[in-house]
Amino acid sequence: MNRSLILAWILVLCTAAIPCCQGYYSKTVAYKPRRQKVTHLHFFLHDTMNGNNPSAIVVARPNITSRTNFGNIVVADDPLTVGPDVKSEVIGNAQGLLVPSGQNVLSLTALLDFEFTKGEFNGSSISVFSRNPITQRERQLAVVGGRGKFAMATGVANLTTYFGNLKGDAIVEYHVTVIHY
């Protein structure tokens, strides 16, 4: 008898809760696409793994030795500047993960968010998630999203290595085409 009473109360409570949950969903409205914009961005990323103030550090290493550092996990907070000189105006930063993912060829999987802190796009960002074959001087990364003025962004980032050394430091020039609303 107790089980029947408990089941009855559960049914009463569930039935009573239904009217309060009806406002959760909005009405369906016709889709009105907004006009897309195309923005071209140009900046330099400074990736520094050495010295007193590195902008990228290895936070995890696998239990194997690899000439490509396969499996390392690098966390980055790299400055973005208007020119290749590290002392040029800083317009934002790129934060995220870089994972050496090639066993035989040096290649990174890049998961980065580029936030702009000055100018027209202050407070907005674009996100990339792509394979970055860093031994190639010129390469592309996919823009997979954004926020702020770059909400729902897609596009492509064309990269050129401006400077690089064997210690892992690099300056990379970015020409980015962003399609957004």
N, C-alpha and C. Protein backbone atom coordinates (compact mmCIF):
# COMPACT_ATOMS: atom_id res chain seq x y z
N MET A 1 0.81 -1.19 0.00
CA MET A 1 0.00 0.00 0.00
C MET A 1 0.86 1.26 0.00
N ASN A 2 1.97 1.25 0.72
CA ASN A 2 2.85 2.40 0.78
C ASN A 2 3.41 2.74 -0.60
N ARG A 3 3.75 1.70 -1.37
CA ARG A 3 4.28 1.94 -2.72
C ARG A 3 3.24 2.62 -3.61
N SER A 4 2.00 2.23 -3.48
CA SER A 4 0.93 2.82 -4.28
C SER A 4 0.73 4.28 -3.90
N LEU A 5 0.82 4.57 -2.62
CA LEU A 5 0.65 5.94 -2.15
C LEU A 5 1.81 6.83 -2.64
N ILE A 6 3.02 6.32 -2.56
CA ILE A 6 4.19 7.07 -3.03
C ILE A 6 4.09 7.32 -4.53
N LEU A 7 3.72 6.31 -5.29
CA LEU A 7 3.56 6.46 -6.74
C LEU A 7 2.48 7.49 -7.06
N ALA A 8 1.39 7.49 -6.30
CA ALA A 8 0.31 8.45 -6.53
C ALA A 8 0.79 9.88 -6.28
N TRP A 9 1.54 10.07 -5.20
CA TRP A 9 2.08 11.41 -4.91
C TRP A 9 3.07 11.87 -5.97
N ILE A 10 3.89 10.99 -6.47
CA ILE A 10 4.83 11.34 -7.54
C ILE A 10 4.06 11.80 -8.78
N LEU A 11 3.00 11.06 -9.13
CA LEU A 11 2.19 11.44 -10.29
C LEU A 11 1.51 12.79 -10.08
N VAL A 12 1.00 13.05 -8.87
CA VAL A 12 0.35 14.33 -8.56
C VAL A 12 1.36 15.47 -8.68
N LEU A 13 2.55 15.30 -8.11
CA LEU A 13 3.57 16.36 -8.16
C LEU A 13 4.05 16.61 -9.58
N CYS A 14 4.25 15.57 -10.35
CA CYS A 14 4.67 15.74 -11.74
C CYS A 14 3.61 16.44 -12.56
N THR A 15 2.36 16.09 -12.36
CA THR A 15 1.26 16.70 -13.09
C THR A 15 1.12 18.17 -12.69
N ALA A 16 1.34 18.49 -11.44
CA ALA A 16 1.24 19.87 -10.97
C ALA A 16 2.37 20.73 -11.52
N ALA A 17 3.52 20.13 -11.78
CA ALA A 17 4.68 20.87 -12.26
C ALA A 17 4.61 21.19 -13.75
N ILE A 18 3.78 20.51 -14.51
CA ILE A 18 3.71 20.71 -15.96
C ILE A 18 3.35 22.13 -16.35
N PRO A 19 2.34 22.77 -15.76
CA PRO A 19 1.99 24.14 -16.19
C PRO A 19 3.12 25.15 -15.99
N CYS A 20 3.95 25.00 -14.97
CA CYS A 20 5.02 25.97 -14.74
C CYS A 20 6.15 25.84 -15.75
N CYS A 21 6.27 24.75 -16.41
CA CYS A 21 7.37 24.52 -17.36
C CYS A 21 6.99 24.86 -18.80
N GLN A 22 5.76 25.24 -19.05
CA GLN A 22 5.34 25.47 -20.42
C GLN A 22 5.98 26.70 -21.03
N GLY A 23 6.41 27.67 -20.27
CA GLY A 23 7.02 28.88 -20.81
C GLY A 23 8.49 28.74 -21.17
N TYR A 24 9.03 27.57 -21.04
CA TYR A 24 10.45 27.38 -21.30
C TYR A 24 10.79 27.58 -22.77
N TYR A 25 9.96 27.10 -23.66
CA TYR A 25 10.24 27.19 -25.09
C TYR A 25 9.63 28.45 -25.67
N SER A 26 10.35 29.07 -26.60
CA SER A 26 9.80 30.25 -27.26
C SER A 26 9.00 29.82 -28.48
N LYS A 27 8.25 30.75 -29.00
CA LYS A 27 7.48 30.47 -30.20
C LYS A 27 8.42 30.35 -31.39
N THR A 28 8.07 29.52 -32.34
CA THR A 28 8.85 29.39 -33.55
C THR A 28 8.54 30.56 -34.47
N VAL A 29 9.59 31.20 -34.95
CA VAL A 29 9.43 32.32 -35.87
C VAL A 29 10.21 32.04 -37.14
N ALA A 30 9.85 32.68 -38.20
CA ALA A 30 10.54 32.50 -39.48
C ALA A 30 11.97 33.03 -39.38
N TYR A 31 12.90 32.33 -40.02
CA TYR A 31 14.31 32.72 -40.01
C TYR A 31 14.53 33.87 -40.98
N LYS A 32 15.12 34.94 -40.48
CA LYS A 32 15.46 36.08 -41.32
C LYS A 32 16.98 36.24 -41.26
N PRO A 33 17.67 35.73 -42.28
CA PRO A 33 19.14 35.79 -42.23
C PRO A 33 19.65 37.23 -42.25
N ARG A 34 20.65 37.45 -41.42
CA ARG A 34 21.29 38.77 -41.40
C ARG A 34 22.32 38.81 -42.51
N ARG A 35 22.67 40.00 -42.89
CA ARG A 35 23.68 40.19 -43.94
C ARG A 35 25.06 39.83 -43.39
N GLN A 36 25.78 39.00 -44.13
CA GLN A 36 27.13 38.63 -43.69
C GLN A 36 28.13 39.72 -44.04
N LYS A 37 29.15 39.83 -43.18
CA LYS A 37 30.23 40.78 -43.40
C LYS A 37 31.51 39.99 -43.61
N VAL A 38 32.44 40.57 -44.33
CA VAL A 38 33.76 39.98 -44.49
C VAL A 38 34.76 40.99 -43.94
N THR A 39 35.57 40.54 -42.99
CA THR A 39 36.59 41.39 -42.38
C THR A 39 37.96 40.77 -42.61
N HIS A 40 38.91 41.60 -43.00
CA HIS A 40 40.29 41.15 -43.19
C HIS A 40 41.13 41.70 -42.04
N LEU A 41 41.82 40.81 -41.35
CA LEU A 41 42.66 41.18 -40.21
C LEU A 41 44.12 40.87 -40.54
N HIS A 42 45.02 41.70 -40.04
CA HIS A 42 46.46 41.48 -40.21
C HIS A 42 47.15 41.80 -38.89
N PHE A 43 47.90 40.82 -38.37
CA PHE A 43 48.61 41.02 -37.11
C PHE A 43 49.74 40.00 -37.02
N PHE A 44 50.55 40.15 -35.98
CA PHE A 44 51.67 39.24 -35.72
C PHE A 44 51.49 38.60 -34.35
N LEU A 45 51.73 37.30 -34.27
CA LEU A 45 51.67 36.54 -33.03
C LEU A 45 53.10 36.27 -32.58
N HIS A 46 53.38 36.55 -31.31
CA HIS A 46 54.72 36.33 -30.74
C HIS A 46 54.65 35.16 -29.75
N ASP A 47 55.21 34.04 -30.14
CA ASP A 47 55.20 32.82 -29.32
C ASP A 47 56.59 32.65 -28.72
N THR A 48 56.72 32.83 -27.43
CA THR A 48 58.02 32.77 -26.76
C THR A 48 57.99 31.65 -25.73
N MET A 49 58.85 30.66 -25.92
CA MET A 49 58.91 29.52 -24.99
C MET A 49 60.12 29.59 -24.07
N ASN A 50 60.97 30.60 -24.25
CA ASN A 50 62.20 30.70 -23.48
C ASN A 50 62.32 32.07 -22.82
N GLY A 51 63.30 32.20 -21.96
CA GLY A 51 63.56 33.48 -21.30
C GLY A 51 62.84 33.59 -19.98
N ASN A 52 62.87 34.81 -19.43
CA ASN A 52 62.29 35.06 -18.11
C ASN A 52 60.77 35.17 -18.12
N ASN A 53 60.19 35.49 -19.28
CA ASN A 53 58.76 35.72 -19.34
C ASN A 53 58.17 35.00 -20.56
N PRO A 54 58.15 33.66 -20.55
CA PRO A 54 57.62 32.94 -21.72
C PRO A 54 56.12 33.15 -21.87
N SER A 55 55.66 33.14 -23.12
CA SER A 55 54.22 33.28 -23.38
C SER A 55 53.59 31.92 -23.67
N ALA A 56 54.41 30.88 -23.74
CA ALA A 56 53.91 29.52 -23.96
C ALA A 56 54.79 28.56 -23.15
N ILE A 57 54.14 27.61 -22.46
CA ILE A 57 54.91 26.65 -21.67
C ILE A 57 54.34 25.25 -21.85
N VAL A 58 55.22 24.27 -21.75
CA VAL A 58 54.80 22.87 -21.78
C VAL A 58 54.25 22.52 -20.41
N VAL A 59 53.00 22.03 -20.37
CA VAL A 59 52.38 21.70 -19.09
C VAL A 59 52.26 20.19 -18.89
N ALA A 60 52.46 19.41 -19.96
CA ALA A 60 52.40 17.95 -19.84
C ALA A 60 53.28 17.32 -20.91
N ARG A 61 53.94 16.23 -20.53
CA ARG A 61 54.78 15.46 -21.46
C ARG A 61 54.42 13.98 -21.34
N PRO A 62 54.44 13.26 -22.48
CA PRO A 62 54.17 11.82 -22.40
C PRO A 62 55.39 11.07 -21.88
N ASN A 63 55.22 9.81 -21.60
CA ASN A 63 56.32 8.97 -21.10
C ASN A 63 57.17 8.39 -22.22
N ILE A 64 57.14 9.02 -23.39
CA ILE A 64 57.96 8.56 -24.52
C ILE A 64 58.85 9.70 -24.98
N THR A 65 59.89 9.36 -25.71
CA THR A 65 60.76 10.36 -26.30
C THR A 65 60.45 10.42 -27.78
N SER A 66 60.28 11.63 -28.29
CA SER A 66 59.94 11.82 -29.70
C SER A 66 60.70 13.02 -30.24
N ARG A 67 61.20 12.91 -31.46
CA ARG A 67 61.92 14.04 -32.05
C ARG A 67 60.98 15.18 -32.41
N THR A 68 59.68 14.92 -32.48
CA THR A 68 58.69 15.96 -32.80
C THR A 68 57.95 16.45 -31.57
N ASN A 69 58.34 16.00 -30.38
CA ASN A 69 57.65 16.33 -29.12
C ASN A 69 56.20 15.87 -29.14
N PHE A 70 55.94 14.80 -29.86
CA PHE A 70 54.60 14.24 -29.99
C PHE A 70 53.97 14.02 -28.62
N GLY A 71 52.78 14.56 -28.43
CA GLY A 71 52.04 14.34 -27.19
C GLY A 71 52.22 15.40 -26.11
N ASN A 72 53.19 16.32 -26.29
CA ASN A 72 53.31 17.42 -25.32
C ASN A 72 52.04 18.27 -25.37
N ILE A 73 51.74 18.92 -24.28
CA ILE A 73 50.65 19.88 -24.28
C ILE A 73 51.24 21.23 -23.87
N VAL A 74 51.04 22.22 -24.74
CA VAL A 74 51.58 23.56 -24.51
C VAL A 74 50.41 24.52 -24.31
N VAL A 75 50.48 25.31 -23.25
CA VAL A 75 49.49 26.35 -23.00
C VAL A 75 50.11 27.68 -23.41
N ALA A 76 49.34 28.47 -24.17
CA ALA A 76 49.87 29.72 -24.70
C ALA A 76 49.00 30.91 -24.32
N ASP A 77 49.64 32.02 -24.08
CA ASP A 77 49.02 33.33 -23.93
C ASP A 77 49.93 34.30 -24.66
N ASP A 78 49.85 34.28 -25.99
CA ASP A 78 50.77 35.00 -26.86
C ASP A 78 50.23 36.39 -27.22
N PRO A 79 51.10 37.42 -27.16
CA PRO A 79 50.64 38.74 -27.57
C PRO A 79 50.46 38.83 -29.09
N LEU A 80 49.48 39.65 -29.49
CA LEU A 80 49.25 39.96 -30.90
C LEU A 80 49.62 41.43 -31.09
N THR A 81 50.44 41.71 -32.10
CA THR A 81 50.90 43.08 -32.34
C THR A 81 50.62 43.50 -33.77
N VAL A 82 50.69 44.82 -34.00
CA VAL A 82 50.46 45.34 -35.35
C VAL A 82 51.66 45.13 -36.26
N GLY A 83 52.84 44.94 -35.68
CA GLY A 83 54.05 44.74 -36.48
C GLY A 83 54.86 43.58 -35.94
N PRO A 84 55.93 43.21 -36.66
CA PRO A 84 56.73 42.06 -36.23
C PRO A 84 57.61 42.33 -35.01
N ASP A 85 57.87 43.58 -34.71
CA ASP A 85 58.67 43.93 -33.54
C ASP A 85 57.83 43.71 -32.29
N VAL A 86 58.39 43.00 -31.31
CA VAL A 86 57.66 42.71 -30.08
C VAL A 86 57.28 43.99 -29.33
N LYS A 87 57.97 45.09 -29.63
CA LYS A 87 57.66 46.37 -28.98
C LYS A 87 56.59 47.17 -29.73
N SER A 88 56.09 46.64 -30.86
CA SER A 88 55.03 47.35 -31.57
C SER A 88 53.73 47.24 -30.77
N GLU A 89 52.73 48.02 -31.18
CA GLU A 89 51.48 48.11 -30.42
C GLU A 89 50.80 46.75 -30.26
N VAL A 90 50.48 46.40 -29.00
CA VAL A 90 49.77 45.16 -28.71
C VAL A 90 48.28 45.41 -28.92
N ILE A 91 47.64 44.55 -29.74
CA ILE A 91 46.21 44.72 -30.03
C ILE A 91 45.36 43.58 -29.47
N GLY A 92 46.01 42.61 -28.81
CA GLY A 92 45.26 41.49 -28.24
C GLY A 92 46.17 40.37 -27.83
N ASN A 93 45.57 39.21 -27.62
CA ASN A 93 46.36 38.03 -27.27
C ASN A 93 45.67 36.77 -27.77
N ALA A 94 46.47 35.74 -27.95
CA ALA A 94 45.96 34.44 -28.37
C ALA A 94 46.17 33.48 -27.20
N GLN A 95 45.07 32.93 -26.70
CA GLN A 95 45.15 31.99 -25.58
C GLN A 95 44.62 30.64 -26.01
N GLY A 96 45.28 29.59 -25.55
CA GLY A 96 44.78 28.26 -25.86
C GLY A 96 45.85 27.20 -25.74
N LEU A 97 45.64 26.12 -26.50
CA LEU A 97 46.51 24.95 -26.44
C LEU A 97 47.16 24.69 -27.78
N LEU A 98 48.39 24.25 -27.73
CA LEU A 98 49.13 23.78 -28.90
C LEU A 98 49.62 22.38 -28.57
N VAL A 99 49.28 21.42 -29.41
CA VAL A 99 49.64 20.04 -29.14
C VAL A 99 50.42 19.48 -30.32
N PRO A 100 51.71 19.16 -30.14
CA PRO A 100 52.43 18.50 -31.22
C PRO A 100 51.77 17.15 -31.51
N SER A 101 51.21 17.02 -32.71
CA SER A 101 50.39 15.85 -33.02
C SER A 101 50.93 15.02 -34.17
N GLY A 102 52.07 15.38 -34.71
CA GLY A 102 52.68 14.58 -35.77
C GLY A 102 53.77 13.70 -35.21
N GLN A 103 53.72 12.41 -35.51
CA GLN A 103 54.75 11.50 -35.00
C GLN A 103 56.03 11.56 -35.84
N ASN A 104 55.89 11.82 -37.14
CA ASN A 104 57.05 11.84 -38.03
C ASN A 104 57.33 13.21 -38.61
N VAL A 105 56.32 14.07 -38.63
CA VAL A 105 56.45 15.42 -39.17
C VAL A 105 56.02 16.40 -38.09
N LEU A 106 56.80 17.45 -37.90
CA LEU A 106 56.47 18.43 -36.87
C LEU A 106 55.22 19.20 -37.28
N SER A 107 54.14 18.96 -36.55
CA SER A 107 52.85 19.57 -36.81
C SER A 107 52.14 19.76 -35.48
N LEU A 108 51.45 20.89 -35.35
CA LEU A 108 50.71 21.18 -34.12
C LEU A 108 49.22 21.13 -34.40
N THR A 109 48.45 20.70 -33.44
CA THR A 109 47.02 20.94 -33.47
C THR A 109 46.82 22.18 -32.61
N ALA A 110 46.25 23.23 -33.23
CA ALA A 110 46.10 24.51 -32.55
C ALA A 110 44.64 24.73 -32.15
N LEU A 111 44.42 25.02 -30.88
CA LEU A 111 43.11 25.39 -30.34
C LEU A 111 43.31 26.74 -29.67
N LEU A 112 43.04 27.80 -30.41
CA LEU A 112 43.36 29.14 -29.92
C LEU A 112 42.18 30.09 -30.05
N ASP A 113 42.07 31.01 -29.09
CA ASP A 113 41.10 32.08 -29.13
C ASP A 113 41.88 33.39 -29.21
N PHE A 114 41.67 34.15 -30.29
CA PHE A 114 42.36 35.42 -30.52
C PHE A 114 41.45 36.56 -30.05
N GLU A 115 41.74 37.13 -28.89
CA GLU A 115 40.92 38.23 -28.38
C GLU A 115 41.59 39.55 -28.71
N PHE A 116 40.79 40.47 -29.24
CA PHE A 116 41.29 41.79 -29.58
C PHE A 116 40.93 42.75 -28.46
N THR A 117 41.91 43.54 -28.03
CA THR A 117 41.74 44.41 -26.87
C THR A 117 41.81 45.89 -27.22
N LYS A 118 41.93 46.21 -28.51
CA LYS A 118 41.99 47.61 -28.95
C LYS A 118 41.25 47.77 -30.26
N GLY A 119 40.85 48.99 -30.51
CA GLY A 119 40.28 49.33 -31.80
C GLY A 119 38.84 48.90 -31.98
N GLU A 120 38.43 48.82 -33.23
CA GLU A 120 37.05 48.53 -33.59
C GLU A 120 36.55 47.19 -33.05
N PHE A 121 37.46 46.21 -32.89
CA PHE A 121 37.05 44.88 -32.47
C PHE A 121 37.40 44.59 -31.01
N ASN A 122 37.60 45.64 -30.21
CA ASN A 122 37.90 45.49 -28.79
C ASN A 122 36.82 44.64 -28.11
N GLY A 123 37.23 43.58 -27.43
CA GLY A 123 36.30 42.69 -26.73
C GLY A 123 35.77 41.56 -27.58
N SER A 124 36.10 41.53 -28.85
CA SER A 124 35.66 40.47 -29.74
C SER A 124 36.80 39.48 -29.94
N SER A 125 36.45 38.27 -30.37
CA SER A 125 37.50 37.28 -30.62
C SER A 125 37.10 36.36 -31.75
N ILE A 126 38.12 35.70 -32.31
CA ILE A 126 37.92 34.62 -33.26
C ILE A 126 38.59 33.38 -32.69
N SER A 127 38.05 32.23 -33.02
CA SER A 127 38.61 30.97 -32.54
C SER A 127 39.06 30.12 -33.71
N VAL A 128 40.22 29.49 -33.55
CA VAL A 128 40.71 28.56 -34.56
C VAL A 128 40.88 27.19 -33.93
N PHE A 129 40.64 26.19 -34.73
CA PHE A 129 40.88 24.80 -34.33
C PHE A 129 41.30 24.10 -35.60
N SER A 130 42.60 23.83 -35.71
CA SER A 130 43.09 23.32 -36.98
C SER A 130 44.48 22.72 -36.81
N ARG A 131 44.88 21.99 -37.82
CA ARG A 131 46.22 21.43 -37.90
C ARG A 131 47.15 22.51 -38.42
N ASN A 132 48.30 22.66 -37.80
CA ASN A 132 49.26 23.69 -38.15
C ASN A 132 50.61 23.05 -38.46
N PRO A 133 50.89 22.76 -39.75
CA PRO A 133 52.17 22.14 -40.11
C PRO A 133 53.30 23.18 -40.08
N ILE A 134 53.87 23.41 -38.91
CA ILE A 134 54.76 24.55 -38.69
C ILE A 134 56.07 24.51 -39.47
N THR A 135 56.42 23.38 -40.05
CA THR A 135 57.64 23.35 -40.86
C THR A 135 57.43 23.98 -42.23
N GLN A 136 56.18 24.16 -42.62
CA GLN A 136 55.88 24.87 -43.87
C GLN A 136 55.88 26.36 -43.58
N ARG A 137 56.54 27.14 -44.41
CA ARG A 137 56.61 28.58 -44.18
C ARG A 137 55.23 29.21 -44.26
N GLU A 138 54.41 28.79 -45.22
CA GLU A 138 53.06 29.32 -45.38
C GLU A 138 52.06 28.20 -45.14
N ARG A 139 50.99 28.50 -44.40
CA ARG A 139 49.98 27.50 -44.09
C ARG A 139 48.66 28.17 -43.73
N GLN A 140 47.61 27.38 -43.51
CA GLN A 140 46.29 27.91 -43.19
C GLN A 140 45.72 27.24 -41.95
N LEU A 141 44.96 28.01 -41.20
CA LEU A 141 44.19 27.48 -40.08
C LEU A 141 42.72 27.85 -40.32
N ALA A 142 41.82 26.99 -39.86
CA ALA A 142 40.39 27.23 -40.00
C ALA A 142 39.88 28.09 -38.86
N VAL A 143 39.13 29.14 -39.19
CA VAL A 143 38.41 29.93 -38.19
C VAL A 143 37.08 29.22 -37.98
N VAL A 144 36.81 28.80 -36.75
CA VAL A 144 35.63 27.97 -36.48
C VAL A 144 34.57 28.67 -35.63
N GLY A 145 34.84 29.90 -35.21
CA GLY A 145 33.85 30.59 -34.41
C GLY A 145 34.37 31.92 -33.92
N GLY A 146 33.55 32.60 -33.15
CA GLY A 146 33.94 33.88 -32.60
C GLY A 146 32.89 34.40 -31.65
N ARG A 147 33.17 35.55 -31.06
CA ARG A 147 32.21 36.18 -30.17
C ARG A 147 32.32 37.69 -30.33
N GLY A 148 31.37 38.39 -29.75
CA GLY A 148 31.33 39.84 -29.91
C GLY A 148 30.97 40.18 -31.35
N LYS A 149 31.73 41.08 -31.95
CA LYS A 149 31.47 41.47 -33.34
C LYS A 149 31.74 40.33 -34.32
N PHE A 150 32.41 39.27 -33.87
CA PHE A 150 32.69 38.12 -34.72
C PHE A 150 31.80 36.92 -34.38
N ALA A 151 30.62 37.18 -33.85
CA ALA A 151 29.71 36.08 -33.50
C ALA A 151 29.43 35.22 -34.72
N MET A 152 29.47 33.92 -34.51
CA MET A 152 29.20 32.92 -35.55
C MET A 152 30.18 33.02 -36.72
N ALA A 153 31.42 33.34 -36.43
CA ALA A 153 32.43 33.53 -37.47
C ALA A 153 32.87 32.22 -38.10
N THR A 154 33.22 32.31 -39.36
CA THR A 154 33.94 31.27 -40.09
C THR A 154 35.02 31.99 -40.88
N GLY A 155 35.91 31.24 -41.46
CA GLY A 155 36.93 31.88 -42.28
C GLY A 155 38.21 31.09 -42.30
N VAL A 156 39.27 31.78 -42.69
CA VAL A 156 40.57 31.14 -42.81
C VAL A 156 41.67 32.12 -42.40
N ALA A 157 42.68 31.60 -41.72
CA ALA A 157 43.84 32.38 -41.33
C ALA A 157 45.03 31.88 -42.13
N ASN A 158 45.62 32.77 -42.91
CA ASN A 158 46.83 32.44 -43.67
C ASN A 158 48.03 32.87 -42.85
N LEU A 159 48.91 31.91 -42.55
CA LEU A 159 50.05 32.16 -41.68
C LEU A 159 51.35 32.11 -42.47
N THR A 160 52.26 32.99 -42.10
CA THR A 160 53.62 32.96 -42.63
C THR A 160 54.57 33.10 -41.45
N THR A 161 55.54 32.22 -41.36
CA THR A 161 56.53 32.32 -40.30
C THR A 161 57.47 33.46 -40.62
N TYR A 162 57.47 34.47 -39.77
CA TYR A 162 58.33 35.64 -39.94
C TYR A 162 59.70 35.36 -39.31
N PHE A 163 59.69 34.67 -38.16
CA PHE A 163 60.92 34.32 -37.44
C PHE A 163 60.67 33.05 -36.67
N GLY A 164 61.67 32.20 -36.59
CA GLY A 164 61.60 31.00 -35.77
C GLY A 164 62.99 30.53 -35.41
N ASN A 165 63.13 29.91 -34.24
CA ASN A 165 64.42 29.33 -33.86
C ASN A 165 64.20 27.91 -33.33
N LEU A 166 65.29 27.21 -33.10
CA LEU A 166 65.21 25.82 -32.66
C LEU A 166 64.74 25.68 -31.21
N LYS A 167 64.73 26.78 -30.46
CA LYS A 167 64.28 26.74 -29.07
C LYS A 167 62.75 26.76 -28.96
N GLY A 168 62.06 27.01 -30.07
CA GLY A 168 60.60 27.04 -30.06
C GLY A 168 60.00 28.42 -30.09
N ASP A 169 60.84 29.47 -30.14
CA ASP A 169 60.32 30.83 -30.23
C ASP A 169 59.95 31.13 -31.68
N ALA A 170 58.89 31.88 -31.88
CA ALA A 170 58.46 32.21 -33.24
C ALA A 170 57.68 33.51 -33.27
N ILE A 171 57.76 34.17 -34.41
CA ILE A 171 56.89 35.30 -34.73
C ILE A 171 56.18 34.89 -36.01
N VAL A 172 54.85 34.89 -35.96
CA VAL A 172 54.04 34.42 -37.08
C VAL A 172 53.14 35.54 -37.55
N GLU A 173 53.19 35.80 -38.86
CA GLU A 173 52.33 36.82 -39.46
C GLU A 173 51.00 36.17 -39.85
N TYR A 174 49.90 36.83 -39.48
CA TYR A 174 48.55 36.33 -39.75
C TYR A 174 47.82 37.29 -40.70
N HIS A 175 47.26 36.73 -41.75
CA HIS A 175 46.29 37.42 -42.61
C HIS A 175 45.02 36.59 -42.51
N VAL A 176 44.00 37.16 -41.85
CA VAL A 176 42.80 36.40 -41.56
C VAL A 176 41.61 37.00 -42.31
N THR A 177 40.86 36.13 -42.97
CA THR A 177 39.59 36.52 -43.58
C THR A 177 38.48 35.92 -42.73
N VAL A 178 37.66 36.81 -42.15
CA VAL A 178 36.60 36.38 -41.24
C VAL A 178 35.25 36.72 -41.87
N ILE A 179 34.38 35.72 -41.95
CA ILE A 179 33.01 35.93 -42.41
C ILE A 179 32.13 35.86 -41.15
N HIS A 180 31.38 36.93 -40.90
CA HIS A 180 30.60 37.01 -39.66
C HIS A 180 29.37 37.87 -39.88
N TYR A 181 28.55 38.01 -38.86
CA TYR A 181 27.33 38.82 -38.93
C TYR A 181 27.52 40.15 -38.24
